[in-house]
Amino acid sequence: MWDRLLRNARVVDPVNGRDGVMDVAVKDGRIAAVGPNLQGEASEVEDLTGLVVMPGLIDPHLHLGSMFGSAYGTRMAAAAGVTTCLDMAGAPRDKHPTGPPRRARNHTPQGRRLFPP
């Protein structure tokens, strides 16, 4: 018996070669089975006709800083299905939720200049 059964969703999973209308079974918070017309009991059944189910997306170029981004950037990304992102924006003095900004080194250990101040 599954905890949850999502029926009739368009499942897009390029890594596993899936792109079609299928059911997704969930057990103990993990995907237990994926396929058309899954048989079995579930505590909760939900019809997802017209909706898409896919793995979490990776956004390699997201702007979260105050210069180009928004204070709601991570919330907007999560709502769009992004589970992993790389922040590419923000003034060096932005306050970041993970702590104070670190000042970049402008010279190599040999004293050569890396970039203008």
C-alpha atoms as a PDB file:
ATOM      1  CA  MET A   1       0.000   0.000   0.000  1.00  0.00           C
ATOM      2  CA  TRP A   2       1.286   3.427  -0.954  1.00  0.00           C
ATOM      3  CA  ASP A   3       0.934   6.630   1.037  1.00  0.00           C
ATOM      4  CA  ARG A   4      -0.065   8.672  -1.994  1.00  0.00           C
ATOM      5  CA  LEU A   5      -0.940   7.963  -5.607  1.00  0.00           C
ATOM      6  CA  LEU A   6      -0.798  10.747  -8.175  1.00  0.00           C
ATOM      7  CA  ARG A   7      -2.874   9.750 -11.200  1.00  0.00           C
ATOM      8  CA  ASN A   8      -2.843  10.934 -14.818  1.00  0.00           C
ATOM      9  CA  ALA A   9       0.049  13.414 -14.554  1.00  0.00           C
ATOM     10  CA  ARG A  10       2.321  14.195 -17.462  1.00  0.00           C
ATOM     11  CA  VAL A  11       5.622  12.839 -16.161  1.00  0.00           C
ATOM     12  CA  VAL A  12       8.709  14.467 -17.706  1.00  0.00           C
ATOM     13  CA  ASP A  13      11.929  12.739 -16.638  1.00  0.00           C
ATOM     14  CA  PRO A  14      14.597  12.841 -19.366  1.00  0.00           C
ATOM     15  CA  VAL A  15      17.174  10.922 -17.320  1.00  0.00           C
ATOM     16  CA  ASN A  16      14.865   7.899 -17.145  1.00  0.00           C
ATOM     17  CA  GLY A  17      13.392   8.377 -20.629  1.00  0.00           C
ATOM     18  CA  ARG A  18       9.882   9.288 -19.476  1.00  0.00           C
ATOM     19  CA  ASP A  19       7.581  11.790 -21.135  1.00  0.00           C
ATOM     20  CA  GLY A  20       3.921  10.876 -21.044  1.00  0.00           C
ATOM     21  CA  VAL A  21       0.781  10.554 -18.976  1.00  0.00           C
ATOM     22  CA  MET A  22       1.529   8.266 -16.025  1.00  0.00           C
ATOM     23  CA  ASP A  23       0.805   7.612 -12.371  1.00  0.00           C
ATOM     24  CA  VAL A  24       3.324   8.266  -9.585  1.00  0.00           C
ATOM     25  CA  ALA A  25       3.211   6.301  -6.326  1.00  0.00           C
ATOM     26  CA  VAL A  26       4.784   7.708  -3.144  1.00  0.00           C
ATOM     27  CA  LYS A  27       5.766   5.651  -0.088  1.00  0.00           C
ATOM     28  CA  ASP A  28       7.525   7.064   2.999  1.00  0.00           C
ATOM     29  CA  GLY A  29       8.174  10.384   1.216  1.00  0.00           C
ATOM     30  CA  ARG A  30       9.959   8.776  -1.756  1.00  0.00           C
ATOM     31  CA  ILE A  31       8.908   7.861  -5.271  1.00  0.00           C
ATOM     32  CA  ALA A  32       8.005   4.154  -5.113  1.00  0.00           C
ATOM     33  CA  ALA A  33       6.715   3.539  -8.659  1.00  0.00           C
ATOM     34  CA  VAL A  34       6.075   5.383 -11.913  1.00  0.00           C
ATOM     35  CA  GLY A  35       4.063   4.041 -14.830  1.00  0.00           C
ATOM     36  CA  PRO A  36       0.775   4.075 -16.681  1.00  0.00           C
ATOM     37  CA  ASN A  37      -2.291   2.881 -14.736  1.00  0.00           C
ATOM     38  CA  LEU A  38      -0.489   1.730 -11.585  1.00  0.00           C
ATOM     39  CA  GLN A  39      -2.421  -0.868  -9.618  1.00  0.00           C
ATOM     40  CA  GLY A  40      -2.522  -0.827  -5.838  1.00  0.00           C
ATOM     41  CA  GLU A  41      -4.055   0.818  -2.806  1.00  0.00           C
ATOM     42  CA  ALA A  42      -3.088   4.257  -1.508  1.00  0.00           C
ATOM     43  CA  SER A  43      -4.047   6.260   1.572  1.00  0.00           C
ATOM     44  CA  GLU A  44      -4.475   9.331  -0.622  1.00  0.00           C
ATOM     45  CA  VAL A  45      -5.263   9.466  -4.356  1.00  0.00           C
ATOM     46  CA  GLU A  46      -5.064  12.679  -6.352  1.00  0.00           C
ATOM     47  CA  ASP A  47      -5.960  13.262 -10.010  1.00  0.00           C
ATOM     48  CA  LEU A  48      -3.325  15.462 -11.687  1.00  0.00           C
ATOM     49  CA  THR A  49      -4.829  15.533 -15.171  1.00  0.00           C
ATOM     50  CA  GLY A  50      -3.359  18.489 -17.063  1.00  0.00           C
ATOM     51  CA  LEU A  51      -0.468  18.974 -14.607  1.00  0.00           C
ATOM     52  CA  VAL A  52       3.238  18.145 -15.010  1.00  0.00           C
ATOM     53  CA  VAL A  53       5.359  16.130 -12.574  1.00  0.00           C
ATOM     54  CA  MET A  54       9.125  16.366 -13.022  1.00  0.00           C
ATOM     55  CA  PRO A  55      12.341  16.173 -11.003  1.00  0.00           C
ATOM     56  CA  GLY A  56      13.511  19.347  -9.264  1.00  0.00           C
ATOM     57  CA  LEU A  57      15.167  21.830 -11.603  1.00  0.00           C
ATOM     58  CA  ILE A  58      18.678  23.265 -11.295  1.00  0.00           C
ATOM     59  CA  ASP A  59      19.002  26.967 -12.142  1.00  0.00           C
ATOM     60  CA  PRO A  60      22.695  27.697 -12.739  1.00  0.00           C
ATOM     61  CA  HIS A  61      22.241  31.470 -13.061  1.00  0.00           C
ATOM     62  CA  LEU A  62      19.788  33.022 -10.595  1.00  0.00           C
ATOM     63  CA  HIS A  63      19.858  36.656  -9.414  1.00  0.00           C
ATOM     64  CA  LEU A  64      19.130  36.859  -5.681  1.00  0.00           C
ATOM     65  CA  GLY A  65      21.028  40.007  -4.665  1.00  0.00           C
ATOM     66  CA  SER A  66      19.498  43.444  -4.223  1.00  0.00           C
ATOM     67  CA  MET A  67      21.013  44.907  -7.391  1.00  0.00           C
ATOM     68  CA  PHE A  68      19.226  42.672  -9.919  1.00  0.00           C
ATOM     69  CA  GLY A  69      17.269  40.247  -7.779  1.00  0.00           C
ATOM     70  CA  SER A  70      14.489  40.249  -5.240  1.00  0.00           C
ATOM     71  CA  ALA A  71      14.068  39.506  -1.563  1.00  0.00           C
ATOM     72  CA  TYR A  72      11.628  36.817  -2.700  1.00  0.00           C
ATOM     73  CA  GLY A  73      14.000  35.140  -5.170  1.00  0.00           C
ATOM     74  CA  THR A  74      14.285  31.793  -3.386  1.00  0.00           C
ATOM     75  CA  ARG A  75      10.518  31.606  -2.893  1.00  0.00           C
ATOM     76  CA  MET A  76       9.900  32.373  -6.572  1.00  0.00           C
ATOM     77  CA  ALA A  77      12.468  29.751  -7.589  1.00  0.00           C
ATOM     78  CA  ALA A  78      10.854  27.094  -5.388  1.00  0.00           C
ATOM     79  CA  ALA A  79       7.417  27.920  -6.792  1.00  0.00           C
ATOM     80  CA  ALA A  80       8.844  27.357 -10.286  1.00  0.00           C
ATOM     81  CA  GLY A  81      10.220  23.924  -9.352  1.00  0.00           C
ATOM     82  CA  VAL A  82      13.838  24.965  -8.761  1.00  0.00           C
ATOM     83  CA  THR A  83      15.444  22.894  -6.014  1.00  0.00           C
ATOM     84  CA  THR A  84      19.077  23.968  -6.539  1.00  0.00           C
ATOM     85  CA  CYS A  85      20.402  27.339  -7.723  1.00  0.00           C
ATOM     86  CA  LEU A  86      23.580  29.368  -8.063  1.00  0.00           C
ATOM     87  CA  ASP A  87      23.342  33.052  -7.152  1.00  0.00           C
ATOM     88  CA  MET A  88      24.963  35.198  -9.854  1.00  0.00           C
ATOM     89  CA  ALA A  89      23.991  38.688  -8.707  1.00  0.00           C
ATOM     90  CA  GLY A  90      24.321  41.073  -5.874  1.00  0.00           C
ATOM     91  CA  ALA A  91      26.478  43.910  -4.789  1.00  0.00           C
ATOM     92  CA  PRO A  92      29.500  42.795  -2.724  1.00  0.00           C
ATOM     93  CA  ARG A  93      28.024  44.510   0.343  1.00  0.00           C
ATOM     94  CA  ASP A  94      24.632  42.749   0.178  1.00  0.00           C
ATOM     95  CA  LYS A  95      23.501  41.147   3.389  1.00  0.00           C
ATOM     96  CA  HIS A  96      23.036  37.466   2.716  1.00  0.00           C
ATOM     97  CA  PRO A  97      21.013  35.066   4.870  1.00  0.00           C
ATOM     98  CA  THR A  98      24.021  32.758   5.222  1.00  0.00           C
ATOM     99  CA  GLY A  99      26.192  35.421   6.817  1.00  0.00           C
ATOM    100  CA  PRO A 100      28.230  38.540   6.098  1.00  0.00           C
ATOM    101  CA  PRO A 101      29.824  38.922   2.668  1.00  0.00           C
ATOM    102  CA  ARG A 102      33.449  37.985   2.279  1.00  0.00           C
ATOM    103  CA  ARG A 103      35.814  40.399   0.602  1.00  0.00           C
ATOM    104  CA  ALA A 104      37.383  38.938  -2.530  1.00  0.00           C
ATOM    105  CA  ARG A 105      41.152  38.834  -2.703  1.00  0.00           C
ATOM    106  CA  ASN A 106      42.451  41.221  -5.344  1.00  0.00           C
ATOM    107  CA  HIS A 107      45.941  39.720  -5.587  1.00  0.00           C
ATOM    108  CA  THR A 108      47.418  36.282  -6.028  1.00  0.00           C
ATOM    109  CA  PRO A 109      49.794  35.005  -3.336  1.00  0.00           C
ATOM    110  CA  GLN A 110      52.621  36.146  -5.652  1.00  0.00           C
ATOM    111  CA  GLY A 111      51.249  39.744  -5.597  1.00  0.00           C
ATOM    112  CA  ARG A 112      49.822  39.835  -9.128  1.00  0.00           C
ATOM    113  CA  ARG A 113      46.609  41.853  -9.530  1.00  0.00           C
ATOM    114  CA  LEU A 114      43.540  39.730 -10.400  1.00  0.00           C
ATOM    115  CA  PHE A 115      40.999  42.429 -11.235  1.00  0.00           C
ATOM    116  CA  PRO A 116      40.499  46.200 -10.749  1.00  0.00           C
ATOM    117  CA  PRO A 117      39.488  47.299  -7.220  1.00  0.00           C
END
